[in-house]
């Protein structure tokens, strides 16, 4: 039962990572598209997106293995 709970928490962290990194990335894209920010800001948007993908994949791997988000191995 504990592994199911830990996997659910890791899945929740994966979703939170997508939301936390996706919303600022989207608004930066909209600002660039409307001319409010220069084109070079896309570099930081891509960097944020790359980190978000890495973190999301890591949390999804932990969720499939039943590992808590703050641990490396199962309890």
PDB file of N, CA and C in Angstrom:
ATOM      1  N   UNK A   1       0.828  -1.197   0.000  1.00  0.00           N
ATOM      2  CA  UNK A   1       0.000   0.000   0.000  1.00  0.00           C
ATOM      3  C   UNK A   1       0.870   1.258   0.000  1.00  0.00           C
ATOM      4  N   UNK A   2       1.992   1.178   0.704  1.00  0.00           N
ATOM      5  CA  UNK A   2       2.874   2.339   0.779  1.00  0.00           C
ATOM      6  C   UNK A   2       3.468   2.666  -0.592  1.00  0.00           C
ATOM      7  N   UNK A   3       3.790   1.607  -1.376  1.00  0.00           N
ATOM      8  CA  UNK A   3       4.360   1.848  -2.706  1.00  0.00           C
ATOM      9  C   UNK A   3       3.348   2.481  -3.648  1.00  0.00           C
ATOM     10  N   UNK A   4       2.079   2.130  -3.495  1.00  0.00           N
ATOM     11  CA  UNK A   4       1.040   2.755  -4.317  1.00  0.00           C
ATOM     12  C   UNK A   4       0.934   4.238  -3.970  1.00  0.00           C
ATOM     13  N   UNK A   5       0.962   4.542  -2.688  1.00  0.00           N
ATOM     14  CA  UNK A   5       0.891   5.937  -2.247  1.00  0.00           C
ATOM     15  C   UNK A   5       2.107   6.720  -2.743  1.00  0.00           C
ATOM     16  N   UNK A   6       3.296   6.127  -2.619  1.00  0.00           N
ATOM     17  CA  UNK A   6       4.509   6.795  -3.086  1.00  0.00           C
ATOM     18  C   UNK A   6       4.469   7.020  -4.597  1.00  0.00           C
ATOM     19  N   UNK A   7       3.970   6.046  -5.336  1.00  0.00           N
ATOM     20  CA  UNK A   7       3.840   6.207  -6.780  1.00  0.00           C
ATOM     21  C   UNK A   7       2.862   7.312  -7.134  1.00  0.00           C
ATOM     22  N   UNK A   8       1.758   7.392  -6.390  1.00  0.00           N
ATOM     23  CA  UNK A   8       0.788   8.459  -6.616  1.00  0.00           C
ATOM     24  C   UNK A   8       1.404   9.826  -6.329  1.00  0.00           C
ATOM     25  N   UNK A   9       2.198   9.924  -5.282  1.00  0.00           N
ATOM     26  CA  UNK A   9       2.855  11.195  -4.968  1.00  0.00           C
ATOM     27  C   UNK A   9       3.838  11.592  -6.063  1.00  0.00           C
ATOM     28  N   UNK A  10       4.549  10.615  -6.618  1.00  0.00           N
ATOM     29  CA  UNK A  10       5.471  10.913  -7.714  1.00  0.00           C
ATOM     30  C   UNK A  10       4.702  11.358  -8.950  1.00  0.00           C
ATOM     31  N   UNK A  11       3.570  10.733  -9.207  1.00  0.00           N
ATOM     32  CA  UNK A  11       2.735  11.151 -10.337  1.00  0.00           C
ATOM     33  C   UNK A  11       2.218  12.570 -10.129  1.00  0.00           C
ATOM     34  N   UNK A  12       1.836  12.879  -8.906  1.00  0.00           N
ATOM     35  CA  UNK A  12       1.382  14.229  -8.579  1.00  0.00           C
ATOM     36  C   UNK A  12       2.508  15.244  -8.786  1.00  0.00           C
ATOM     37  N   UNK A  13       3.721  14.887  -8.443  1.00  0.00           N
ATOM     38  CA  UNK A  13       4.863  15.781  -8.663  1.00  0.00           C
ATOM     39  C   UNK A  13       5.135  15.969 -10.153  1.00  0.00           C
ATOM     40  N   UNK A  14       4.931  14.919 -10.955  1.00  0.00           N
ATOM     41  CA  UNK A  14       5.108  15.057 -12.404  1.00  0.00           C
ATOM     42  C   UNK A  14       4.099  16.046 -12.976  1.00  0.00           C
ATOM     43  N   UNK A  15       2.857  15.949 -12.539  1.00  0.00           N
ATOM     44  CA  UNK A  15       1.826  16.882 -13.005  1.00  0.00           C
ATOM     45  C   UNK A  15       2.135  18.300 -12.522  1.00  0.00           C
ATOM     46  N   UNK A  16       2.566  18.431 -11.289  1.00  0.00           N
ATOM     47  CA  UNK A  16       2.904  19.756 -10.755  1.00  0.00           C
ATOM     48  C   UNK A  16       4.072  20.372 -11.520  1.00  0.00           C
ATOM     49  N   UNK A  17       5.039  19.555 -11.917  1.00  0.00           N
ATOM     50  CA  UNK A  17       6.172  20.060 -12.686  1.00  0.00           C
ATOM     51  C   UNK A  17       5.717  20.593 -14.035  1.00  0.00           C
ATOM     52  N   UNK A  18       4.812  19.859 -14.681  1.00  0.00           N
ATOM     53  CA  UNK A  18       4.294  20.319 -15.972  1.00  0.00           C
ATOM     54  C   UNK A  18       3.578  21.658 -15.811  1.00  0.00           C
ATOM     55  N   UNK A  19       2.769  21.791 -14.762  1.00  0.00           N
ATOM     56  CA  UNK A  19       2.018  23.033 -14.553  1.00  0.00           C
ATOM     57  C   UNK A  19       2.948  24.178 -14.165  1.00  0.00           C
ATOM     58  N   UNK A  20       3.854  23.924 -13.239  1.00  0.00           N
ATOM     59  CA  UNK A  20       4.731  24.985 -12.730  1.00  0.00           C
ATOM     60  C   UNK A  20       5.659  25.506 -13.822  1.00  0.00           C
ATOM     61  N   UNK A  21       6.125  24.621 -14.689  1.00  0.00           N
ATOM     62  CA  UNK A  21       7.027  25.057 -15.765  1.00  0.00           C
ATOM     63  C   UNK A  21       6.277  25.432 -17.043  1.00  0.00           C
ATOM     64  N   UNK A  22       5.119  24.858 -17.252  1.00  0.00           N
ATOM     65  CA  UNK A  22       4.390  25.103 -18.488  1.00  0.00           C
ATOM     66  C   UNK A  22       3.715  26.456 -18.544  1.00  0.00           C
ATOM     67  N   UNK A  23       3.156  26.892 -17.442  1.00  0.00           N
ATOM     68  CA  UNK A  23       2.435  28.174 -17.428  1.00  0.00           C
ATOM     69  C   UNK A  23       3.375  29.351 -17.711  1.00  0.00           C
ATOM     70  N   UNK A  24       4.511  29.470 -17.029  1.00  0.00           N
ATOM     71  CA  UNK A  24       5.406  30.592 -17.380  1.00  0.00           C
ATOM     72  C   UNK A  24       5.961  30.483 -18.802  1.00  0.00           C
ATOM     73  N   UNK A  25       6.211  29.260 -19.245  1.00  0.00           N
ATOM     74  CA  UNK A  25       6.700  29.075 -20.612  1.00  0.00           C
ATOM     75  C   UNK A  25       5.682  29.521 -21.641  1.00  0.00           C
ATOM     76  N   UNK A  26       4.421  29.181 -21.391  1.00  0.00           N
ATOM     77  CA  UNK A  26       3.364  29.585 -22.317  1.00  0.00           C
ATOM     78  C   UNK A  26       3.203  31.110 -22.346  1.00  0.00           C
ATOM     79  N   UNK A  27       3.209  31.723 -21.187  1.00  0.00           N
ATOM     80  CA  UNK A  27       3.047  33.177 -21.156  1.00  0.00           C
ATOM     81  C   UNK A  27       4.258  33.897 -21.756  1.00  0.00           C
ATOM     82  N   UNK A  28       5.438  33.317 -21.612  1.00  0.00           N
ATOM     83  CA  UNK A  28       6.601  33.903 -22.275  1.00  0.00           C
ATOM     84  C   UNK A  28       6.457  33.792 -23.784  1.00  0.00           C
ATOM     85  N   UNK A  29       5.961  32.657 -24.257  1.00  0.00           N
ATOM     86  CA  UNK A  29       5.724  32.487 -25.699  1.00  0.00           C
ATOM     87  C   UNK A  29       4.706  33.516 -26.211  1.00  0.00           C
ATOM     88  N   UNK A  30       3.639  33.717 -25.469  1.00  0.00           N
ATOM     89  CA  UNK A  30       2.624  34.701 -25.873  1.00  0.00           C
ATOM     90  C   UNK A  30       3.224  36.110 -25.877  1.00  0.00           C
ATOM     91  N   UNK A  31       4.049  36.421 -24.887  1.00  0.00           N
ATOM     92  CA  UNK A  31       4.669  37.752 -24.835  1.00  0.00           C
ATOM     93  C   UNK A  31       5.609  37.957 -26.016  1.00  0.00           C
ATOM     94  N   UNK A  32       6.353  36.921 -26.395  1.00  0.00           N
ATOM     95  CA  UNK A  32       7.252  37.039 -27.537  1.00  0.00           C
ATOM     96  C   UNK A  32       6.445  37.192 -28.824  1.00  0.00           C
ATOM     97  N   UNK A  33       5.374  36.417 -28.938  1.00  0.00           N
ATOM     98  CA  UNK A  33       4.538  36.476 -30.151  1.00  0.00           C
ATOM     99  C   UNK A  33       3.881  37.840 -30.328  1.00  0.00           C
ATOM    100  N   UNK A  34       3.542  38.493 -29.233  1.00  0.00           N
ATOM    101  CA  UNK A  34       2.899  39.806 -29.305  1.00  0.00           C
ATOM    102  C   UNK A  34       3.900  40.960 -29.328  1.00  0.00           C
ATOM    103  N   UNK A  35       5.178  40.660 -29.328  1.00  0.00           N
ATOM    104  CA  UNK A  35       6.191  41.699 -29.420  1.00  0.00           C
ATOM    105  C   UNK A  35       6.523  42.365 -28.106  1.00  0.00           C
ATOM    106  N   UNK A  36       6.100  41.803 -26.986  1.00  0.00           N
ATOM    107  CA  UNK A  36       6.396  42.400 -25.685  1.00  0.00           C
ATOM    108  C   UNK A  36       7.769  42.005 -25.157  1.00  0.00           C
ATOM    109  N   UNK A  37       8.324  40.941 -25.709  1.00  0.00           N
ATOM    110  CA  UNK A  37       9.644  40.473 -25.290  1.00  0.00           C
ATOM    111  C   UNK A  37      10.462  40.184 -26.551  1.00  0.00           C
ATOM    112  N   UNK A  38      11.781  40.315 -26.461  1.00  0.00           N
ATOM    113  CA  UNK A  38      12.618  40.047 -27.642  1.00  0.00           C
ATOM    114  C   UNK A  38      12.677  38.545 -27.958  1.00  0.00           C
ATOM    115  N   UNK A  39      13.093  38.235 -29.168  1.00  0.00           N
ATOM    116  CA  UNK A  39      13.140  36.848 -29.627  1.00  0.00           C
ATOM    117  C   UNK A  39      14.126  35.989 -28.845  1.00  0.00           C
ATOM    118  N   UNK A  40      15.193  36.564 -28.305  1.00  0.00           N
ATOM    119  CA  UNK A  40      16.194  35.761 -27.613  1.00  0.00           C
ATOM    120  C   UNK A  40      15.674  35.153 -26.307  1.00  0.00           C
ATOM    121  N   UNK A  41      14.520  35.594 -25.838  1.00  0.00           N
ATOM    122  CA  UNK A  41      13.929  35.031 -24.622  1.00  0.00           C
ATOM    123  C   UNK A  41      13.522  33.576 -24.855  1.00  0.00           C
ATOM    124  N   UNK A  42      13.352  33.196 -26.138  1.00  0.00           N
ATOM    125  CA  UNK A  42      13.052  31.791 -26.434  1.00  0.00           C
ATOM    126  C   UNK A  42      14.139  30.853 -25.915  1.00  0.00           C
ATOM    127  N   UNK A  43      15.356  31.322 -25.802  1.00  0.00           N
ATOM    128  CA  UNK A  43      16.442  30.488 -25.267  1.00  0.00           C
ATOM    129  C   UNK A  43      16.117  30.063 -23.842  1.00  0.00           C
ATOM    130  N   UNK A  44      15.673  30.989 -23.031  1.00  0.00           N
ATOM    131  CA  UNK A  44      15.328  30.639 -21.649  1.00  0.00           C
ATOM    132  C   UNK A  44      14.055  29.799 -21.592  1.00  0.00           C
ATOM    133  N   UNK A  45      13.122  30.027 -22.515  1.00  0.00           N
ATOM    134  CA  UNK A  45      11.902  29.207 -22.559  1.00  0.00           C
ATOM    135  C   UNK A  45      12.253  27.766 -22.907  1.00  0.00           C
ATOM    136  N   UNK A  46      13.144  27.577 -23.879  1.00  0.00           N
ATOM    137  CA  UNK A  46      13.566  26.222 -24.227  1.00  0.00           C
ATOM    138  C   UNK A  46      14.334  25.572 -23.083  1.00  0.00           C
ATOM    139  N   UNK A  47      15.148  26.347 -22.368  1.00  0.00           N
ATOM    140  CA  UNK A  47      15.857  25.811 -21.199  1.00  0.00           C
ATOM    141  C   UNK A  47      14.890  25.373 -20.114  1.00  0.00           C
ATOM    142  N   UNK A  48      13.883  26.179 -19.872  1.00  0.00           N
ATOM    143  CA  UNK A  48      12.862  25.815 -18.884  1.00  0.00           C
ATOM    144  C   UNK A  48      12.109  24.564 -19.320  1.00  0.00           C
ATOM    145  N   UNK A  49      11.783  24.496 -20.603  1.00  0.00           N
ATOM    146  CA  UNK A  49      11.089  23.321 -21.119  1.00  0.00           C
ATOM    147  C   UNK A  49      11.935  22.066 -21.031  1.00  0.00           C
ATOM    148  N   UNK A  50      13.231  22.184 -21.307  1.00  0.00           N
ATOM    149  CA  UNK A  50      14.139  21.032 -21.212  1.00  0.00           C
ATOM    150  C   UNK A  50      14.214  20.512 -19.779  1.00  0.00           C
ATOM    151  N   UNK A  51      14.358  21.417 -18.820  1.00  0.00           N
ATOM    152  CA  UNK A  51      14.380  21.008 -17.409  1.00  0.00           C
ATOM    153  C   UNK A  51      13.051  20.387 -16.991  1.00  0.00           C
ATOM    154  N   UNK A  52      11.958  20.932 -17.487  1.00  0.00           N
ATOM    155  CA  UNK A  52      10.641  20.390 -17.153  1.00  0.00           C
ATOM    156  C   UNK A  52      10.476  18.980 -17.693  1.00  0.00           C
ATOM    157  N   UNK A  53      10.940  18.745 -18.902  1.00  0.00           N
ATOM    158  CA  UNK A  53      10.844  17.398 -19.482  1.00  0.00           C
ATOM    159  C   UNK A  53      11.686  16.405 -18.680  1.00  0.00           C
ATOM    160  N   UNK A  54      12.900  16.796 -18.325  1.00  0.00           N
ATOM    161  CA  UNK A  54      13.752  15.904 -17.534  1.00  0.00           C
ATOM    162  C   UNK A  54      13.129  15.572 -16.182  1.00  0.00           C
ATOM    163  N   UNK A  55      12.629  16.584 -15.496  1.00  0.00           N
ATOM    164  CA  UNK A  55      12.004  16.355 -14.197  1.00  0.00           C
ATOM    165  C   UNK A  55      10.739  15.512 -14.309  1.00  0.00           C
ATOM    166  N   UNK A  56       9.926  15.793 -15.317  1.00  0.00           N
ATOM    167  CA  UNK A  56       8.691  15.029 -15.501  1.00  0.00           C
ATOM    168  C   UNK A  56       8.983  13.568 -15.787  1.00  0.00           C
ATOM    169  N   UNK A  57       9.949  13.304 -16.659  1.00  0.00           N
ATOM    170  CA  UNK A  57      10.313  11.913 -16.956  1.00  0.00           C
ATOM    171  C   UNK A  57      10.861  11.204 -15.722  1.00  0.00           C
ATOM    172  N   UNK A  58      11.628  11.918 -14.922  1.00  0.00           N
ATOM    173  CA  UNK A  58      12.157  11.326 -13.702  1.00  0.00           C
ATOM    174  C   UNK A  58      11.043  10.980 -12.721  1.00  0.00           C
ATOM    175  N   UNK A  59      10.101  11.895 -12.547  1.00  0.00           N
ATOM    176  CA  UNK A  59       8.983  11.623 -11.648  1.00  0.00           C
ATOM    177  C   UNK A  59       8.089  10.508 -12.176  1.00  0.00           C
ATOM    178  N   UNK A  60       7.904  10.442 -13.487  1.00  0.00           N
ATOM    179  CA  UNK A  60       7.097   9.356 -14.053  1.00  0.00           C
ATOM    180  C   UNK A  60       7.787   8.003 -13.887  1.00  0.00           C
ATOM    181  N   UNK A  61       9.108   7.986 -14.014  1.00  0.00           N
ATOM    182  CA  UNK A  61       9.852   6.749 -13.775  1.00  0.00           C
ATOM    183  C   UNK A  61       9.694   6.313 -12.326  1.00  0.00           C
ATOM    184  N   UNK A  62       9.780   7.254 -11.415  1.00  0.00           N
ATOM    185  CA  UNK A  62       9.591   6.935  -9.999  1.00  0.00           C
ATOM    186  C   UNK A  62       8.161   6.482  -9.725  1.00  0.00           C
ATOM    187  N   UNK A  63       7.195   7.104 -10.382  1.00  0.00           N
ATOM    188  CA  UNK A  63       5.799   6.713 -10.175  1.00  0.00           C
ATOM    189  C   UNK A  63       5.558   5.296 -10.645  1.00  0.00           C
ATOM    190  N   UNK A  64       6.151   4.915 -11.764  1.00  0.00           N
ATOM    191  CA  UNK A  64       5.946   3.551 -12.269  1.00  0.00           C
ATOM    192  C   UNK A  64       6.630   2.514 -11.386  1.00  0.00           C
ATOM    193  N   UNK A  65       7.680   2.908 -10.674  1.00  0.00           N
ATOM    194  CA  UNK A  65       8.382   1.984  -9.787  1.00  0.00           C
ATOM    195  C   UNK A  65       7.849   2.029  -8.358  1.00  0.00           C
ATOM    196  N   UNK A  66       6.976   2.971  -8.048  1.00  0.00           N
ATOM    197  CA  UNK A  66       6.432   3.075  -6.695  1.00  0.00           C
ATOM    198  C   UNK A  66       7.391   3.701  -5.702  1.00  0.00           C
ATOM    199  N   UNK A  67       8.199   4.633  -6.182  1.00  0.00           N
ATOM    200  CA  UNK A  67       9.195   5.303  -5.339  1.00  0.00           C
ATOM    201  C   UNK A  67       8.682   6.699  -5.007  1.00  0.00           C
ATOM    202  N   UNK A  68       8.864   7.109  -3.756  1.00  0.00           N
ATOM    203  CA  UNK A  68       8.453   8.447  -3.338  1.00  0.00           C
ATOM    204  C   UNK A  68       9.289   9.498  -4.062  1.00  0.00           C
ATOM    205  N   UNK A  69       8.753  10.705  -4.264  1.00  0.00           N
ATOM    206  CA  UNK A  69       9.476  11.745  -5.009  1.00  0.00           C
ATOM    207  C   UNK A  69      10.803  12.145  -4.367  1.00  0.00           C
ATOM    208  N   UNK A  70      10.896  12.077  -3.064  1.00  0.00           N
ATOM    209  CA  UNK A  70      12.115  12.515  -2.385  1.00  0.00           C
ATOM    210  C   UNK A  70      13.088  11.377  -2.084  1.00  0.00           C
ATOM    211  N   UNK A  71      12.821  10.182  -2.589  1.00  0.00           N
ATOM    212  CA  UNK A  71      13.681   9.027  -2.328  1.00  0.00           C
ATOM    213  C   UNK A  71      14.272   8.498  -3.614  1.00  0.00           C
ATOM    214  N   UNK A  72      15.334   7.702  -3.461  1.00  0.00           N
ATOM    215  CA  UNK A  72      15.955   7.070  -4.623  1.00  0.00           C
ATOM    216  C   UNK A  72      15.489   5.632  -4.801  1.00  0.00           C
ATOM    217  N   UNK A  73      15.129   4.978  -3.694  1.00  0.00           N
ATOM    218  CA  UNK A  73      14.706   3.583  -3.734  1.00  0.00           C
ATOM    219  C   UNK A  73      13.387   3.425  -2.994  1.00  0.00           C
ATOM    220  N   UNK A  74      12.788   2.255  -3.180  1.00  0.00           N
ATOM    221  CA  UNK A  74      11.562   1.964  -2.451  1.00  0.00           C
ATOM    222  C   UNK A  74      11.848   1.842  -0.960  1.00  0.00           C
ATOM    223  N   UNK A  75      10.825   2.112  -0.171  1.00  0.00           N
ATOM    224  CA  UNK A  75      10.975   1.940   1.277  1.00  0.00           C
ATOM    225  C   UNK A  75      10.846   0.478   1.632  1.00  0.00           C
TER     226      UNK A  75
END
